[in-house]
Amino acid sequence: MKSCKPQEYYVQTFDLTPHCPMYLSVHLFGEESFRRSELMVGLKNAYERHGVFELTELPDHLAVILKWNQLLNAEEWSELVSMGLLPMLPKMIAKLEKWNNPYALVLKAVQALLMEMEGTHV
């Protein structure tokens, strides 16, 4: 990736024709999947049950999930981590490492934290 400002680098990595989309369901199910829609509706409903009605991103965006994780009960959160986030993060990390993208390090830190919270090990 050419030299650019940090904001531009983020946008090039995750937003505009992204090398690595930040959406959980894309990595789990692909862009065109009914299961992707089901996951997003489930997350949106969970957020709304707790008074979060306005999101600036889709409900399966990694930043949204991490921001609002406390709204999910322990069982929902554990399921989302074990069946969604932990399978997704290695895929994202591998894509970013292929491009020598420093955001891989950030995602590795998120992965390590989630694994520690869940009591799992690599």
C-alpha atoms as a PDB file:
ATOM      1  CA  MET A   1       0.000   0.000   0.000  1.00  0.00           C
ATOM      2  CA  LYS A   2       1.368   3.408  -0.860  1.00  0.00           C
ATOM      3  CA  SER A   3       2.385   5.867   1.819  1.00  0.00           C
ATOM      4  CA  CYS A   4      -0.597   7.794   3.199  1.00  0.00           C
ATOM      5  CA  LYS A   5      -2.106   9.290   6.339  1.00  0.00           C
ATOM      6  CA  PRO A   6      -3.343   6.884   9.050  1.00  0.00           C
ATOM      7  CA  GLN A   7      -7.016   7.648   8.289  1.00  0.00           C
ATOM      8  CA  GLU A   8      -6.472   6.968   4.594  1.00  0.00           C
ATOM      9  CA  TYR A   9      -4.637   3.748   5.409  1.00  0.00           C
ATOM     10  CA  TYR A  10      -7.553   2.583   7.561  1.00  0.00           C
ATOM     11  CA  VAL A  11     -10.065   3.411   4.819  1.00  0.00           C
ATOM     12  CA  GLN A  12      -7.984   1.616   2.193  1.00  0.00           C
ATOM     13  CA  THR A  13      -7.647  -1.422   4.440  1.00  0.00           C
ATOM     14  CA  PHE A  14     -11.189  -1.786   5.729  1.00  0.00           C
ATOM     15  CA  ASP A  15     -13.620   0.443   3.799  1.00  0.00           C
ATOM     16  CA  LEU A  16     -13.012   1.302   0.137  1.00  0.00           C
ATOM     17  CA  THR A  17     -12.683  -1.935  -1.827  1.00  0.00           C
ATOM     18  CA  PRO A  18     -11.348  -3.438   1.369  1.00  0.00           C
ATOM     19  CA  HIS A  19      -8.634  -6.047   1.557  1.00  0.00           C
ATOM     20  CA  CYS A  20     -10.280  -7.142   4.756  1.00  0.00           C
ATOM     21  CA  PRO A  21     -13.879  -6.126   5.521  1.00  0.00           C
ATOM     22  CA  MET A  22     -14.693  -5.541   9.191  1.00  0.00           C
ATOM     23  CA  TYR A  23     -17.994  -7.402   8.978  1.00  0.00           C
ATOM     24  CA  LEU A  24     -18.202 -10.664  10.910  1.00  0.00           C
ATOM     25  CA  SER A  25     -20.838 -12.189   8.657  1.00  0.00           C
ATOM     26  CA  VAL A  26     -18.843 -11.602   5.458  1.00  0.00           C
ATOM     27  CA  HIS A  27     -16.007 -13.750   6.800  1.00  0.00           C
ATOM     28  CA  LEU A  28     -18.349 -16.418   8.134  1.00  0.00           C
ATOM     29  CA  PHE A  29     -20.950 -16.689   5.381  1.00  0.00           C
ATOM     30  CA  GLY A  30     -19.904 -14.571   2.395  1.00  0.00           C
ATOM     31  CA  GLU A  31     -21.494 -11.342   1.183  1.00  0.00           C
ATOM     32  CA  GLU A  32     -24.657 -12.884  -0.278  1.00  0.00           C
ATOM     33  CA  SER A  33     -26.039 -15.240   2.333  1.00  0.00           C
ATOM     34  CA  PHE A  34     -29.321 -15.610   4.158  1.00  0.00           C
ATOM     35  CA  ARG A  35     -27.337 -16.640   7.248  1.00  0.00           C
ATOM     36  CA  ARG A  36     -25.531 -13.282   7.079  1.00  0.00           C
ATOM     37  CA  SER A  37     -28.891 -11.514   7.233  1.00  0.00           C
ATOM     38  CA  GLU A  38     -30.027 -13.662  10.141  1.00  0.00           C
ATOM     39  CA  LEU A  39     -26.912 -12.794  12.142  1.00  0.00           C
ATOM     40  CA  MET A  40     -27.300  -9.068  11.497  1.00  0.00           C
ATOM     41  CA  VAL A  41     -30.987  -9.112  12.466  1.00  0.00           C
ATOM     42  CA  GLY A  42     -30.184 -11.039  15.647  1.00  0.00           C
ATOM     43  CA  LEU A  43     -27.473  -8.576  16.637  1.00  0.00           C
ATOM     44  CA  LYS A  44     -29.650  -5.568  15.776  1.00  0.00           C
ATOM     45  CA  ASN A  45     -32.481  -6.976  17.911  1.00  0.00           C
ATOM     46  CA  ALA A  46     -30.099  -7.574  20.820  1.00  0.00           C
ATOM     47  CA  TYR A  47     -28.847  -3.983  20.622  1.00  0.00           C
ATOM     48  CA  GLU A  48     -32.403  -2.606  20.400  1.00  0.00           C
ATOM     49  CA  ARG A  49     -33.515  -4.660  23.446  1.00  0.00           C
ATOM     50  CA  HIS A  50     -31.010  -2.566  25.374  1.00  0.00           C
ATOM     51  CA  GLY A  51     -31.909   0.814  23.906  1.00  0.00           C
ATOM     52  CA  VAL A  52     -29.347   1.081  21.098  1.00  0.00           C
ATOM     53  CA  PHE A  53     -31.364   2.109  18.056  1.00  0.00           C
ATOM     54  CA  GLU A  54     -28.943   4.182  16.002  1.00  0.00           C
ATOM     55  CA  LEU A  55     -25.814   2.523  14.663  1.00  0.00           C
ATOM     56  CA  THR A  56     -23.315   4.189  12.353  1.00  0.00           C
ATOM     57  CA  GLU A  57     -22.292   0.771  10.974  1.00  0.00           C
ATOM     58  CA  LEU A  58     -23.999  -2.522  10.300  1.00  0.00           C
ATOM     59  CA  PRO A  59     -24.581  -4.516  13.504  1.00  0.00           C
ATOM     60  CA  ASP A  60     -21.963  -7.147  12.590  1.00  0.00           C
ATOM     61  CA  HIS A  61     -19.097  -4.646  12.221  1.00  0.00           C
ATOM     62  CA  LEU A  62     -16.244  -5.681  14.519  1.00  0.00           C
ATOM     63  CA  ALA A  63     -16.077  -2.271  16.227  1.00  0.00           C
ATOM     64  CA  VAL A  64     -19.838  -2.296  16.903  1.00  0.00           C
ATOM     65  CA  ILE A  65     -19.705  -5.813  18.349  1.00  0.00           C
ATOM     66  CA  LEU A  66     -16.795  -4.936  20.614  1.00  0.00           C
ATOM     67  CA  LYS A  67     -18.382  -1.635  21.672  1.00  0.00           C
ATOM     68  CA  TRP A  68     -21.743  -3.140  22.604  1.00  0.00           C
ATOM     69  CA  ASN A  69     -20.624  -6.562  23.886  1.00  0.00           C
ATOM     70  CA  GLN A  70     -21.819  -5.770  27.401  1.00  0.00           C
ATOM     71  CA  LEU A  71     -25.401  -5.690  26.108  1.00  0.00           C
ATOM     72  CA  LEU A  72     -25.352  -9.405  25.370  1.00  0.00           C
ATOM     73  CA  ASN A  73     -25.861 -11.879  28.174  1.00  0.00           C
ATOM     74  CA  ALA A  74     -22.923 -14.153  29.026  1.00  0.00           C
ATOM     75  CA  GLU A  75     -24.263 -17.055  26.960  1.00  0.00           C
ATOM     76  CA  GLU A  76     -24.922 -14.880  23.873  1.00  0.00           C
ATOM     77  CA  TRP A  77     -21.493 -13.253  24.133  1.00  0.00           C
ATOM     78  CA  SER A  78     -19.693 -16.581  24.597  1.00  0.00           C
ATOM     79  CA  GLU A  79     -21.496 -18.033  21.582  1.00  0.00           C
ATOM     80  CA  LEU A  80     -20.698 -14.988  19.453  1.00  0.00           C
ATOM     81  CA  VAL A  81     -17.029 -15.155  20.442  1.00  0.00           C
ATOM     82  CA  SER A  82     -16.594 -18.904  19.980  1.00  0.00           C
ATOM     83  CA  MET A  83     -18.690 -19.318  16.827  1.00  0.00           C
ATOM     84  CA  GLY A  84     -18.078 -15.942  15.212  1.00  0.00           C
ATOM     85  CA  LEU A  85     -15.218 -13.766  16.369  1.00  0.00           C
ATOM     86  CA  LEU A  86     -12.590 -16.425  17.025  1.00  0.00           C
ATOM     87  CA  PRO A  87     -13.152 -18.150  13.656  1.00  0.00           C
ATOM     88  CA  MET A  88     -13.218 -14.778  11.834  1.00  0.00           C
ATOM     89  CA  LEU A  89     -10.110 -13.158  13.301  1.00  0.00           C
ATOM     90  CA  PRO A  90      -7.539 -15.657  11.941  1.00  0.00           C
ATOM     91  CA  LYS A  91      -8.981 -15.132   8.450  1.00  0.00           C
ATOM     92  CA  MET A  92      -8.691 -11.373   8.783  1.00  0.00           C
ATOM     93  CA  ILE A  93      -5.207 -11.583  10.286  1.00  0.00           C
ATOM     94  CA  ALA A  94      -3.982 -13.853   7.482  1.00  0.00           C
ATOM     95  CA  LYS A  95      -5.273 -11.441   4.830  1.00  0.00           C
ATOM     96  CA  LEU A  96      -3.604  -8.486   6.501  1.00  0.00           C
ATOM     97  CA  GLU A  97      -0.317 -10.300   7.071  1.00  0.00           C
ATOM     98  CA  LYS A  98      -0.255 -11.207   3.381  1.00  0.00           C
ATOM     99  CA  TRP A  99      -0.173  -7.464   2.653  1.00  0.00           C
ATOM    100  CA  ASN A 100       2.232  -6.698   5.543  1.00  0.00           C
ATOM    101  CA  ASN A 101      -0.497  -4.547   6.994  1.00  0.00           C
ATOM    102  CA  PRO A 102       0.149  -3.342  10.576  1.00  0.00           C
ATOM    103  CA  TYR A 103      -3.544  -3.687  11.447  1.00  0.00           C
ATOM    104  CA  ALA A 104      -2.846  -7.434  11.691  1.00  0.00           C
ATOM    105  CA  LEU A 105      -1.129  -6.679  14.999  1.00  0.00           C
ATOM    106  CA  VAL A 106      -4.207  -4.893  16.315  1.00  0.00           C
ATOM    107  CA  LEU A 107      -6.428  -7.822  15.381  1.00  0.00           C
ATOM    108  CA  LYS A 108      -3.966 -10.257  16.986  1.00  0.00           C
ATOM    109  CA  ALA A 109      -4.318  -8.287  20.218  1.00  0.00           C
ATOM    110  CA  VAL A 110      -8.122  -8.456  19.984  1.00  0.00           C
ATOM    111  CA  GLN A 111      -7.878 -12.194  19.300  1.00  0.00           C
ATOM    112  CA  ALA A 112      -5.584 -12.760  22.306  1.00  0.00           C
ATOM    113  CA  LEU A 113      -7.905 -10.788  24.592  1.00  0.00           C
ATOM    114  CA  LEU A 114     -10.984 -12.709  23.427  1.00  0.00           C
ATOM    115  CA  MET A 115      -9.187 -16.032  23.823  1.00  0.00           C
ATOM    116  CA  GLU A 116      -8.157 -15.077  27.337  1.00  0.00           C
ATOM    117  CA  MET A 117     -11.720 -14.036  28.185  1.00  0.00           C
ATOM    118  CA  GLU A 118     -13.035 -17.339  26.863  1.00  0.00           C
ATOM    119  CA  GLY A 119     -10.295 -19.379  28.508  1.00  0.00           C
ATOM    120  CA  THR A 120      -9.121 -20.834  25.192  1.00  0.00           C
ATOM    121  CA  HIS A 121      -5.584 -21.262  23.926  1.00  0.00           C
ATOM    122  CA  VAL A 122      -3.998 -21.465  20.489  1.00  0.00           C
END
